[in-house]
Protein backbone atom coordinates (compact mmCIF):
# COMPACT_ATOMS: atom_id res chain seq x y z
CA LYS A 1 26.32 30.18 13.60
CA ALA A 2 25.50 32.83 11.02
CA GLY A 3 24.72 35.42 13.66
CA LEU A 4 27.96 34.78 15.52
CA ALA A 5 29.96 35.05 12.34
CA ALA A 6 28.15 38.26 11.30
CA SER A 7 28.86 39.70 14.76
CA PHE A 8 32.55 38.81 14.46
CA LEU A 9 32.74 40.44 11.03
CA SER A 10 31.16 43.66 12.25
CA GLN A 11 33.31 43.86 15.42
CA TYR A 12 36.64 42.90 13.87
CA LYS A 13 36.68 44.63 10.51
CA ASP A 14 40.45 45.14 10.71
CA SER A 15 41.36 41.60 11.73
CA ASP A 16 43.47 39.24 9.61
CA ILE A 17 41.91 38.37 6.22
CA SER A 18 42.04 34.64 6.97
CA PHE A 19 39.94 35.12 10.12
CA ARG A 20 37.43 37.32 8.29
CA THR A 21 37.26 34.92 5.37
CA ASN A 22 36.60 31.94 7.62
CA ALA A 23 33.92 33.90 9.47
CA TYR A 24 32.33 34.91 6.16
CA ILE A 25 32.26 31.30 5.01
CA MET A 26 30.65 30.27 8.31
CA MET A 27 28.10 33.05 7.98
CA VAL A 28 27.05 32.14 4.43
CA LYS A 29 27.00 28.38 5.21
CA GLY A 30 25.03 29.10 8.38
CA TYR A 31 22.40 31.02 6.41
CA LEU A 32 22.24 28.20 3.86
CA ASP A 33 21.93 25.53 6.56
CA SER A 34 19.19 27.43 8.31
CA ARG A 35 17.30 27.84 5.03
CA SER A 36 17.79 31.60 5.05
CA PHE A 37 18.43 31.36 1.34
CA GLN A 38 18.04 35.05 0.49
CA LYS A 39 20.59 36.05 3.20
CA ALA A 40 23.00 33.39 1.92
CA LEU A 41 22.60 34.59 -1.65
CA ASP A 42 22.95 38.27 -0.78
CA SER A 43 26.08 37.58 1.31
CA ALA A 44 27.66 35.46 -1.43
CA GLU A 45 27.01 38.18 -4.01
CA ARG A 46 28.72 40.77 -1.74
CA VAL A 47 31.87 38.80 -0.99
CA ASP A 48 33.98 40.58 -3.62
CA THR A 49 33.13 43.93 -2.01
CA GLU A 50 33.29 42.76 1.61
CA LEU A 51 36.50 40.71 1.27
CA PRO A 52 38.33 41.84 -1.88
CA ASN A 53 41.65 40.37 -0.72
CA SER A 54 40.28 36.96 0.22
CA PRO A 55 41.95 34.01 -1.55
CA ASP A 56 40.13 32.98 -4.71
CA GLU A 57 39.73 29.37 -3.53
CA ARG A 58 37.87 30.56 -0.45
CA LYS A 59 35.69 32.88 -2.54
CA ALA A 60 34.85 29.89 -4.75
CA ALA A 61 33.40 28.11 -1.70
CA ILE A 62 31.30 31.20 -0.86
CA TYR A 63 30.07 31.45 -4.46
CA SER A 64 29.16 27.77 -4.32
CA PHE A 65 27.02 28.31 -1.22
CA GLY A 66 25.38 31.28 -2.91
CA MET A 67 24.73 29.21 -6.00
CA ALA A 68 22.95 26.59 -3.85
CA ALA A 69 20.90 29.33 -2.21
CA ALA A 70 19.94 30.79 -5.60
CA GLN A 71 18.92 27.34 -6.79
CA ASN A 72 16.68 26.91 -3.71
CA LEU A 73 15.12 30.27 -4.47
CA ASN A 74 14.55 29.31 -8.13
CA GLN A 75 16.75 32.21 -9.22
CA ALA A 76 18.46 30.62 -12.19
CA ASP A 77 20.25 33.82 -13.31
CA SER A 78 21.91 34.21 -9.93
CA ALA A 79 22.77 30.51 -9.76
CA VAL A 80 24.43 30.68 -13.18
CA ARG A 81 26.28 33.91 -12.41
CA LEU A 82 27.72 32.51 -9.19
CA GLY A 83 28.45 29.15 -10.81
CA GLU A 84 30.42 30.88 -13.54
CA LYS A 85 32.49 32.62 -10.83
CA VAL A 86 33.24 29.24 -9.25
CA LEU A 87 34.29 27.80 -12.59
CA ALA A 88 36.53 30.82 -13.33
CA ILE A 89 38.53 29.77 -10.25
CA VAL A 90 38.03 25.97 -10.28
CA PRO A 91 37.20 25.00 -13.89
CA ASP A 92 36.61 21.33 -13.17
CA ASP A 93 34.43 21.68 -10.06
CA ALA A 94 32.04 18.76 -10.53
CA ASN A 95 29.35 20.05 -8.18
CA THR A 96 29.18 23.36 -10.02
CA LEU A 97 29.14 21.72 -13.43
CA ILE A 98 26.26 19.43 -12.38
CA THR A 99 24.35 22.29 -10.75
CA LEU A 100 24.68 24.46 -13.82
CA ALA A 101 23.63 21.63 -16.11
CA THR A 102 20.54 20.85 -14.05
CA THR A 103 19.73 24.55 -13.80
CA ALA A 104 20.00 24.93 -17.58
CA LEU A 105 17.70 21.90 -18.07
CA ALA A 106 15.16 23.27 -15.65
CA VAL A 107 15.11 26.61 -17.44
CA ALA A 108 14.97 25.00 -20.89
CA SER A 109 12.12 22.65 -20.00
CA PRO A 110 10.02 24.02 -17.16
CA PRO A 111 7.29 21.76 -15.84
CA ALA A 112 4.06 21.92 -17.77
CA PRO A 113 1.21 23.78 -16.04
CA ARG A 114 -1.40 21.58 -14.37
CA PRO A 115 -4.80 21.44 -16.09
C-alpha cells in the first residue's frame, strides 16, 4: 500500500490536492501498518512541506499516525510534537490526549534498570 501511494505521489505531483492527500494518508498508514515506523514518522513530519494546502483535518490524521510511529520508536519528543499538532487542530481528540498522557508518564517514570 505504502509503495503504491508513494509511486502515485511521485508521478502525479500536480494532481488535485484531495487525491494527493488521500494517497499521503494511505502511504503513512501503510508504513505504520507494516511496522516501518521510521518511514511513517519521517513522512508525517514532512506533510506540511509536501502538502501545504491539505485540509487541516486530514493533516491531523497524518500527524496522529506519525505520533503512533514515534511512540513505537520510543521517540517521546517526536510523539509529543506531533500530538501537539493534532491538538492544535482537534483539541478534544481523545486518542491524542491519552497517548500524550501515557507518553508523559513513561518519560517521567522510566522503568527501573534490572539488577
